[in-house]
Amino acid sequence: MQKHVFDAEGNYQGLYHEGVVLEDGDQIIETEIVNGQFHKPKLVNGEVVEGLSQEEIDAINNAPNPKTQEDYLLDLDFRLSVVELGLI
């Protein structure tokens, strides 16, 4: 199990590491939070729960993905190939 830090309002702050200075009200909770299990973990009554509503999660999951640099390079490479082959 890993140790995780939650602030006084129950908001997830990250993994706890020895020597980290905690703010007043911060809590260290020993639990297993699987990567990707929560979009925004929140501590409620001592239990780690999802901090976002289903509507907020759906908005995140359905948002268009911005093009990456690799996408732009592939598009450019394709366009150059089309011009080179005389297809346009």
C-alpha atoms as a PDB file:
ATOM      1  CA  MET A   1       0.000   0.000   0.000  1.00  0.00           C
ATOM      2  CA  GLN A   2       1.100   3.521  -0.724  1.00  0.00           C
ATOM      3  CA  LYS A   3       0.709   6.612   1.413  1.00  0.00           C
ATOM      4  CA  HIS A   4      -1.262   9.456  -0.151  1.00  0.00           C
ATOM      5  CA  VAL A   5      -1.752  13.026   1.063  1.00  0.00           C
ATOM      6  CA  PHE A   6      -5.148  14.737   1.146  1.00  0.00           C
ATOM      7  CA  ASP A   7      -5.686  18.332   2.242  1.00  0.00           C
ATOM      8  CA  ALA A   8      -8.174  19.524   4.880  1.00  0.00           C
ATOM      9  CA  GLU A   9     -10.980  19.646   2.259  1.00  0.00           C
ATOM     10  CA  GLY A  10     -10.262  16.069   1.141  1.00  0.00           C
ATOM     11  CA  ASN A  11      -8.576  17.047  -2.135  1.00  0.00           C
ATOM     12  CA  TYR A  12      -5.832  14.725  -3.342  1.00  0.00           C
ATOM     13  CA  GLN A  13      -2.359  16.262  -3.103  1.00  0.00           C
ATOM     14  CA  GLY A  14      -0.198  13.349  -4.266  1.00  0.00           C
ATOM     15  CA  LEU A  15       1.976  10.558  -2.957  1.00  0.00           C
ATOM     16  CA  TYR A  16       3.541  11.008   0.456  1.00  0.00           C
ATOM     17  CA  HIS A  17       7.332  10.923   0.598  1.00  0.00           C
ATOM     18  CA  GLU A  18       9.370  10.857   3.798  1.00  0.00           C
ATOM     19  CA  GLY A  19      10.526  14.328   4.754  1.00  0.00           C
ATOM     20  CA  VAL A  20       7.704  16.158   2.986  1.00  0.00           C
ATOM     21  CA  VAL A  21       6.375  19.021   5.088  1.00  0.00           C
ATOM     22  CA  LEU A  22       2.601  18.830   5.358  1.00  0.00           C
ATOM     23  CA  GLU A  23       0.248  21.792   5.596  1.00  0.00           C
ATOM     24  CA  ASP A  24      -2.106  22.172   8.567  1.00  0.00           C
ATOM     25  CA  GLY A  25      -5.045  19.817   8.095  1.00  0.00           C
ATOM     26  CA  ASP A  26      -3.281  17.531   5.610  1.00  0.00           C
ATOM     27  CA  GLN A  27      -3.848  13.835   6.172  1.00  0.00           C
ATOM     28  CA  ILE A  28      -1.788  10.836   5.175  1.00  0.00           C
ATOM     29  CA  ILE A  29      -3.958   7.925   4.096  1.00  0.00           C
ATOM     30  CA  GLU A  30      -2.470   4.513   3.417  1.00  0.00           C
ATOM     31  CA  THR A  31      -4.428   3.036   0.539  1.00  0.00           C
ATOM     32  CA  GLU A  32      -3.970   1.592  -2.911  1.00  0.00           C
ATOM     33  CA  ILE A  33      -4.991   4.043  -5.620  1.00  0.00           C
ATOM     34  CA  VAL A  34      -4.555   2.339  -8.965  1.00  0.00           C
ATOM     35  CA  ASN A  35      -3.241   4.659 -11.686  1.00  0.00           C
ATOM     36  CA  GLY A  36      -6.234   5.798 -13.721  1.00  0.00           C
ATOM     37  CA  GLN A  37      -8.762   4.554 -11.153  1.00  0.00           C
ATOM     38  CA  PHE A  38      -9.889   8.107 -10.361  1.00  0.00           C
ATOM     39  CA  HIS A  39      -9.887  11.284 -12.407  1.00  0.00           C
ATOM     40  CA  LYS A  40      -9.764  13.389  -9.254  1.00  0.00           C
ATOM     41  CA  PRO A  41      -9.479  11.354  -6.027  1.00  0.00           C
ATOM     42  CA  LYS A  42     -11.184  12.873  -2.991  1.00  0.00           C
ATOM     43  CA  LEU A  43     -11.282  11.788   0.642  1.00  0.00           C
ATOM     44  CA  VAL A  44     -14.839  11.663   2.022  1.00  0.00           C
ATOM     45  CA  ASN A  45     -15.485  10.274   5.506  1.00  0.00           C
ATOM     46  CA  GLY A  46     -12.160   8.425   5.428  1.00  0.00           C
ATOM     47  CA  GLU A  47     -12.860   6.773   2.061  1.00  0.00           C
ATOM     48  CA  VAL A  48     -11.212   7.628  -1.254  1.00  0.00           C
ATOM     49  CA  VAL A  49     -13.890   8.328  -3.861  1.00  0.00           C
ATOM     50  CA  GLU A  50     -14.166   9.914  -7.307  1.00  0.00           C
ATOM     51  CA  GLY A  51     -14.249  13.692  -6.907  1.00  0.00           C
ATOM     52  CA  LEU A  52     -15.810  14.416 -10.296  1.00  0.00           C
ATOM     53  CA  SER A  53     -19.417  13.884 -11.296  1.00  0.00           C
ATOM     54  CA  GLN A  54     -20.259  11.453 -14.092  1.00  0.00           C
ATOM     55  CA  GLU A  55     -21.104  14.460 -16.269  1.00  0.00           C
ATOM     56  CA  GLU A  56     -17.610  15.922 -15.723  1.00  0.00           C
ATOM     57  CA  ILE A  57     -15.987  12.543 -16.467  1.00  0.00           C
ATOM     58  CA  ASP A  58     -18.031  12.177 -19.669  1.00  0.00           C
ATOM     59  CA  ALA A  59     -16.963  15.679 -20.762  1.00  0.00           C
ATOM     60  CA  ILE A  60     -13.297  14.735 -20.251  1.00  0.00           C
ATOM     61  CA  ASN A  61     -13.670  11.403 -22.042  1.00  0.00           C
ATOM     62  CA  ASN A  62     -15.581  12.921 -24.969  1.00  0.00           C
ATOM     63  CA  ALA A  63     -13.365  15.977 -25.446  1.00  0.00           C
ATOM     64  CA  PRO A  64     -11.537  16.069 -28.779  1.00  0.00           C
ATOM     65  CA  ASN A  65      -7.889  15.119 -28.530  1.00  0.00           C
ATOM     66  CA  PRO A  66      -5.577  17.876 -29.736  1.00  0.00           C
ATOM     67  CA  LYS A  67      -3.138  16.874 -32.439  1.00  0.00           C
ATOM     68  CA  THR A  68       0.299  15.894 -31.261  1.00  0.00           C
ATOM     69  CA  GLN A  69       3.546  16.906 -32.912  1.00  0.00           C
ATOM     70  CA  GLU A  70       3.725  13.395 -34.342  1.00  0.00           C
ATOM     71  CA  ASP A  71       0.263  13.836 -35.914  1.00  0.00           C
ATOM     72  CA  TYR A  72       1.372  17.075 -37.578  1.00  0.00           C
ATOM     73  CA  LEU A  73       4.540  15.443 -38.906  1.00  0.00           C
ATOM     74  CA  LEU A  74       2.584  12.497 -40.320  1.00  0.00           C
ATOM     75  CA  ASP A  75       0.131  14.886 -41.999  1.00  0.00           C
ATOM     76  CA  LEU A  76       3.003  16.877 -43.481  1.00  0.00           C
ATOM     77  CA  ASP A  77       4.747  13.715 -44.672  1.00  0.00           C
ATOM     78  CA  PHE A  78       1.515  12.516 -46.319  1.00  0.00           C
ATOM     79  CA  ARG A  79       0.952  15.857 -48.054  1.00  0.00           C
ATOM     80  CA  LEU A  80       4.534  15.947 -49.320  1.00  0.00           C
ATOM     81  CA  SER A  81       4.160  12.396 -50.653  1.00  0.00           C
ATOM     82  CA  VAL A  82       0.941  13.329 -52.479  1.00  0.00           C
ATOM     83  CA  VAL A  83       2.631  16.343 -54.098  1.00  0.00           C
ATOM     84  CA  GLU A  84       5.719  14.292 -54.938  1.00  0.00           C
ATOM     85  CA  LEU A  85       3.594  11.632 -56.645  1.00  0.00           C
ATOM     86  CA  GLY A  86       1.737  14.321 -58.579  1.00  0.00           C
ATOM     87  CA  LEU A  87      -1.633  13.316 -57.196  1.00  0.00           C
ATOM     88  CA  ILE A  88      -2.688  16.933 -56.746  1.00  0.00           C
END
